[in-house]
Protein backbone atom coordinates (compact mmCIF):
# COMPACT_ATOMS: atom_id res chain seq x y z
CA UNK A 1 26.75 5.36 5.74
CA UNK A 2 25.27 7.83 3.26
CA UNK A 3 24.50 11.41 4.25
CA UNK A 4 20.79 10.75 3.68
CA UNK A 5 20.80 7.75 6.01
CA UNK A 6 22.80 9.64 8.62
CA UNK A 7 20.33 12.55 8.56
CA UNK A 8 17.41 10.12 8.75
CA UNK A 9 18.86 8.30 11.75
CA UNK A 10 19.73 11.57 13.48
CA UNK A 11 16.23 12.93 12.92
CA UNK A 12 14.68 9.74 14.26
CA UNK A 13 16.88 9.85 17.35
CA UNK A 14 16.08 13.49 18.04
CA UNK A 15 12.34 13.04 17.54
CA UNK A 16 12.26 9.99 19.81
CA UNK A 17 11.91 12.56 22.58
CA UNK A 18 8.10 13.00 23.01
CA UNK A 19 8.33 16.78 23.43
CA UNK A 20 10.53 17.25 20.36
CA UNK A 21 8.31 14.83 18.40
CA UNK A 22 5.26 16.95 19.24
CA UNK A 23 7.00 20.16 18.19
CA UNK A 24 8.21 18.60 14.92
CA UNK A 25 4.72 17.22 14.27
CA UNK A 26 3.20 20.68 14.71
CA UNK A 27 5.77 22.19 12.34
CA UNK A 28 5.05 19.52 9.71
CA UNK A 29 1.30 19.99 10.03
CA UNK A 30 1.67 23.72 9.55
CA UNK A 31 3.66 23.05 6.38
CA UNK A 32 1.24 20.57 4.77
CA UNK A 33 -2.25 21.44 5.97
CA UNK A 34 -2.94 24.03 3.27
CA UNK A 35 -1.30 22.10 0.43
CA UNK A 36 -2.74 19.46 -1.91
CA UNK A 37 -3.23 16.06 -0.31
CA UNK A 38 -2.64 12.99 -2.50
CA UNK A 39 -5.95 11.46 -3.53
CA UNK A 40 -4.40 8.00 -3.84
CA UNK A 41 -1.42 6.80 -1.80
CA UNK A 42 0.35 3.51 -2.46
CA UNK A 43 2.63 2.04 0.18
CA UNK A 44 5.24 -0.73 0.00
CA UNK A 45 5.38 -2.03 3.56
CA UNK A 46 9.00 -3.14 3.69
CA UNK A 47 11.44 -3.94 6.48
CA UNK A 48 9.56 -6.17 8.92
CA UNK A 49 12.19 -8.92 8.81
CA UNK A 50 15.15 -6.58 9.08
CA UNK A 51 13.51 -4.73 11.96
CA UNK A 52 13.26 -8.03 13.87
CA UNK A 53 16.73 -9.23 12.87
CA UNK A 54 18.41 -6.04 14.12
CA UNK A 55 16.77 -6.65 17.50
CA UNK A 56 17.63 -10.37 17.61
CA UNK A 57 13.94 -11.24 17.52
CA UNK A 58 12.07 -13.88 15.48
CA UNK A 59 10.71 -12.56 12.19
CA UNK A 60 7.09 -13.13 13.17
CA UNK A 61 7.34 -10.32 15.73
CA UNK A 62 8.34 -7.89 12.98
CA UNK A 63 5.47 -9.06 10.79
CA UNK A 64 2.97 -8.76 13.65
CA UNK A 65 4.08 -5.23 14.52
CA UNK A 66 3.96 -4.41 10.81
CA UNK A 67 0.36 -5.64 10.71
CA UNK A 68 -0.46 -3.42 13.70
CA UNK A 69 1.03 -0.43 11.89
CA UNK A 70 -1.42 -0.84 8.99
CA UNK A 71 -4.28 0.22 11.29
CA UNK A 72 -2.32 3.35 12.23
CA UNK A 73 -1.63 4.21 8.60
CA UNK A 74 -5.29 3.82 7.69
CA UNK A 75 -6.30 6.16 10.51
CA UNK A 76 -3.68 8.76 9.58
CA UNK A 77 -4.71 8.67 5.91
CA UNK A 78 -8.40 8.99 6.79
CA UNK A 79 -7.55 11.99 8.98
CA UNK A 80 -5.89 13.56 5.93
CA UNK A 81 -8.98 12.68 3.84
CA UNK A 82 -6.97 10.51 1.46
CA UNK A 83 -9.57 8.77 -0.70
CA UNK A 84 -7.66 5.65 -1.76
CA UNK A 85 -4.90 3.61 -0.14
CA UNK A 86 -3.20 0.65 -1.82
CA UNK A 87 -0.91 -1.45 0.37
CA UNK A 88 1.70 -3.88 -0.96
CA UNK A 89 1.39 -6.62 1.63
CA UNK A 90 2.62 -9.81 -0.03
CA UNK A 91 4.06 -10.31 -3.51
CA UNK A 92 3.94 -13.39 -5.72
CA UNK A 93 7.73 -13.61 -5.24
CA UNK A 94 7.28 -13.72 -1.46
CA UNK A 95 5.93 -17.27 -1.82
CA UNK A 96 9.58 -18.25 -2.41
CA UNK A 97 10.43 -17.48 1.22
CA UNK A 98 10.65 -20.28 3.76
CA UNK A 99 7.43 -22.14 4.51
CA UNK A 100 7.47 -21.10 8.16
CA UNK A 101 7.65 -17.39 7.38
CA UNK A 102 5.02 -17.60 4.62
CA UNK A 103 2.69 -19.47 6.98
CA UNK A 104 3.24 -16.83 9.68
CA UNK A 105 2.32 -14.04 7.25
CA UNK A 106 -0.73 -15.92 5.96
CA UNK A 107 -1.89 -16.54 9.53
CA UNK A 108 -1.59 -12.83 10.27
CA UNK A 109 -3.51 -11.92 7.12
CA UNK A 110 -6.35 -14.27 8.02
CA UNK A 111 -6.36 -13.10 11.63
CA UNK A 112 -6.62 -9.43 10.69
CA UNK A 113 -9.20 -10.02 7.97
CA UNK A 114 -11.48 -11.59 10.58
CA UNK A 115 -11.53 -8.32 12.54
CA UNK A 116 -12.22 -5.99 9.62
CA UNK A 117 -16.00 -6.40 9.45
CA UNK A 118 -16.28 -5.36 13.12
CA UNK A 119 -13.99 -2.33 12.71
CA UNK A 120 -16.17 0.71 13.41
CA UNK A 121 -13.80 3.06 11.55
CA UNK A 122 -14.23 1.09 8.31
CA UNK A 123 -18.00 1.47 8.41
CA UNK A 124 -18.03 5.00 9.80
CA UNK A 125 -15.76 6.21 6.97
CA UNK A 126 -17.44 3.98 4.38
CA UNK A 127 -14.23 2.29 3.27
CA UNK A 128 -14.59 -0.24 0.46
CA UNK A 129 -11.99 -2.99 0.85
CA UNK A 130 -10.63 -5.13 -1.96
CA UNK A 131 -7.85 -7.67 -2.21
CA UNK A 132 -5.95 -7.36 -5.47
CA UNK A 133 -3.63 -9.99 -6.88
CA UNK A 134 -3.78 -13.67 -7.77
CA UNK A 135 -6.12 -14.46 -4.91
CA UNK A 136 -6.49 -18.04 -6.17
CA UNK A 137 -2.95 -18.72 -4.90
CA UNK A 138 -4.10 -18.16 -1.31
CA UNK A 139 -5.62 -20.77 0.97
CA UNK A 140 -9.36 -21.40 0.80
CA UNK A 141 -9.81 -20.03 4.31
CA UNK A 142 -8.13 -16.72 3.42
CA UNK A 143 -10.13 -16.51 0.21
CA UNK A 144 -13.28 -16.98 2.30
CA UNK A 145 -12.28 -14.16 4.66
CA UNK A 146 -11.49 -11.88 1.73
CA UNK A 147 -14.89 -12.60 0.18
CA UNK A 148 -16.66 -11.79 3.46
CA UNK A 149 -14.78 -8.50 3.87
CA UNK A 150 -15.41 -7.45 0.28
CA UNK A 151 -19.11 -8.30 0.57
CA UNK A 152 -19.44 -6.38 3.84
CA UNK A 153 -17.93 -3.19 2.34
CA UNK A 154 -18.86 -3.38 -1.34
CA UNK A 155 -21.57 -0.71 -1.03
CA UNK A 156 -19.13 1.91 0.30
CA UNK A 157 -17.65 4.54 -2.01
CA UNK A 158 -16.20 7.28 0.21
CA UNK A 159 -12.80 5.63 0.63
CA UNK A 160 -11.01 2.63 -0.85
CA UNK A 161 -8.50 0.29 0.78
CA UNK A 162 -6.75 -2.15 -1.55
CA UNK A 163 -4.66 -4.98 -0.15
CA UNK A 164 -2.14 -6.18 -2.73
CA UNK A 165 -1.63 -9.77 -1.66
CA UNK A 166 -0.22 -12.52 -3.88
CA UNK A 167 0.34 -9.52 -6.13
CA UNK A 168 2.85 -8.82 -8.87
CA UNK A 169 2.78 -5.92 -11.31
CA UNK A 170 3.86 -8.06 -14.24
CA UNK A 171 1.34 -10.74 -13.29
CA UNK A 172 -1.38 -8.07 -13.23
CA UNK A 173 -0.55 -6.97 -16.78
CA UNK A 174 -0.42 -10.61 -17.95
CA UNK A 175 -3.82 -11.31 -16.39
CA UNK A 176 -5.30 -8.17 -17.97
CA UNK A 177 -3.91 -9.21 -21.35
CA UNK A 178 -5.48 -12.65 -21.03
CA UNK A 179 -8.89 -11.14 -20.23
CA UNK A 180 -8.67 -8.83 -23.24
CA UNK A 181 -7.56 -11.70 -25.51
CA UNK A 182 -10.54 -13.75 -24.34
CA UNK A 183 -12.92 -10.90 -25.15
CA UNK A 184 -11.36 -10.54 -28.59
CA UNK A 185 -11.77 -14.28 -29.15
CA UNK A 186 -15.43 -14.05 -28.14
CA UNK A 187 -15.97 -11.10 -30.48
CA UNK A 188 -16.81 -8.66 -27.66
CA UNK A 189 -14.07 -6.23 -28.69
CA UNK A 190 -11.88 -5.81 -31.77
CA UNK A 191 -8.10 -5.69 -31.80
CA UNK A 192 -8.17 -2.24 -33.39
CA UNK A 193 -10.24 -0.86 -30.50
CA UNK A 194 -7.70 -1.82 -27.84
CA UNK A 195 -6.05 1.21 -26.22
CA UNK A 196 -4.69 2.26 -22.83
CA UNK A 197 -8.20 2.62 -21.42
CA UNK A 198 -8.95 -0.97 -22.42
CA UNK A 199 -5.98 -2.22 -20.43
CA UNK A 200 -6.83 -0.03 -17.43
CA UNK A 201 -10.36 -1.43 -17.42
CA UNK A 202 -8.96 -4.96 -17.05
CA UNK A 203 -6.40 -4.33 -14.30
CA UNK A 204 -6.99 -5.39 -10.71
CA UNK A 205 -7.63 -1.72 -9.86
CA UNK A 206 -10.38 -1.16 -12.44
CA UNK A 207 -12.96 -0.64 -9.66
CA UNK A 208 -11.24 2.51 -8.39
CA UNK A 209 -12.31 6.06 -9.30
CA UNK A 210 -8.59 6.92 -9.53
CA UNK A 211 -6.44 3.83 -10.04
CA UNK A 212 -3.19 5.77 -10.49
CA UNK A 213 -1.51 6.60 -7.15
CA UNK A 214 -0.38 10.20 -6.76
CA UNK A 215 2.25 9.14 -4.25
CA UNK A 216 4.01 5.82 -3.64
CA UNK A 217 5.90 5.42 -0.37
CA UNK A 218 8.41 2.65 0.29
CA UNK A 219 9.92 2.06 3.70
CA UNK A 220 13.20 0.33 4.68
CA UNK A 221 15.54 2.46 2.55
CA UNK A 222 15.23 0.30 -0.57
CA UNK A 223 14.74 2.41 -3.68
CA UNK A 224 12.77 0.31 -6.14
CA UNK A 225 9.13 -0.55 -6.83
CA UNK A 226 9.58 -4.34 -6.81
CA UNK A 227 6.71 -4.79 -9.24
CA UNK A 228 4.22 -2.61 -7.35
CA UNK A 229 1.56 -0.97 -9.57
CA UNK A 230 3.84 -0.94 -12.61
CA UNK A 231 1.14 0.35 -14.97
CA UNK A 232 -0.67 2.62 -12.54
CA UNK A 233 2.49 4.14 -11.07
CA UNK A 234 3.93 5.46 -14.34
CA UNK A 235 3.62 9.08 -13.17
CA UNK A 236 3.43 8.61 -9.41
CA UNK A 237 5.69 10.63 -7.17
CA UNK A 238 8.03 8.25 -5.34
CA UNK A 239 9.17 8.64 -1.75
CA UNK A 240 11.74 6.24 -0.27
CA UNK A 241 11.99 6.46 3.51
CA UNK A 242 14.94 5.10 5.46
CA UNK A 243 12.79 3.58 8.19
CA UNK A 244 11.62 0.01 8.67
CA UNK A 245 7.86 -0.42 8.41
CA UNK A 246 7.22 -1.29 12.11
CA UNK A 247 8.88 2.03 13.06
CA UNK A 248 6.77 4.10 10.63
CA UNK A 249 5.22 7.13 12.37
CA UNK A 250 2.66 9.76 11.49
CA UNK A 251 5.44 12.29 10.91
CA UNK A 252 6.89 9.92 8.31
CA UNK A 253 3.61 10.01 6.40
CA UNK A 254 3.49 13.78 6.73
CA UNK A 255 7.10 14.06 5.53
CA UNK A 256 6.13 12.09 2.44
CA UNK A 257 3.12 14.33 1.84
CA UNK A 258 5.35 17.41 2.23
CA UNK A 259 7.73 16.00 -0.35
CA UNK A 260 4.78 15.36 -2.67
CA UNK A 261 3.60 18.95 -2.27
CA UNK A 262 7.06 20.32 -3.04
CA UNK A 263 7.31 18.54 -6.39
CA UNK A 264 5.95 19.90 -9.65
CA UNK A 265 4.06 17.15 -11.42
CA UNK A 266 4.63 17.41 -15.19
CA UNK A 267 3.24 14.09 -16.48
CA UNK A 268 5.93 14.01 -19.16
CA UNK A 269 5.12 17.50 -20.42
């Protein structure tokens, strides 16, 4: 066991006491409340299966609790006045998992999408919701739910929630390249005019006021992006937390924000 993992486990055990948790939460809030808050947070929601496996439970329980945790994260981010949240929910590679698990995840996605339009917090905070990825790979019923959610929130511009589903960073760049090539073929743009802005305008995140996440958080202890926002995350601050996604708490978000505030962002300069 690494020192980092040992410290993480010890901290989690200590803060499992409600009184100590409250004290630690107040200390964290004091540390971050006056500092800069990330405008755009990306999150790789990892560890649902391992959470369930460690407890000798079926994987669907981990996925369901993980889905519940998304509502908590949205609330915590809105409380911090984070403008944009992008969640890595399901990658194109995840389709290679067993049919039963994929079907369980798809059922959960459809189930939760059905409740979004009646979520008072979404409308109160004027959250525009988009699904980003190769949506055509999803079932017709999920595509229908996505369309209804996007239509119901398309007029909002105070906050943005992006659900990366059937998403892959390389696939996104390939799809953007194809769109640009088609426009060149049609004579809408010239090859010489293509620059970074051109590519950004053809990515899945082109609708966002700030498509580049300031902070990317990954749970489960894995330290890689796994294809998440490869273009947009070039200068994002990365925070890898040694906690499975179903166990993610508000203090974990605040710890990540504290880490973000402590770093000096140079953008290659």
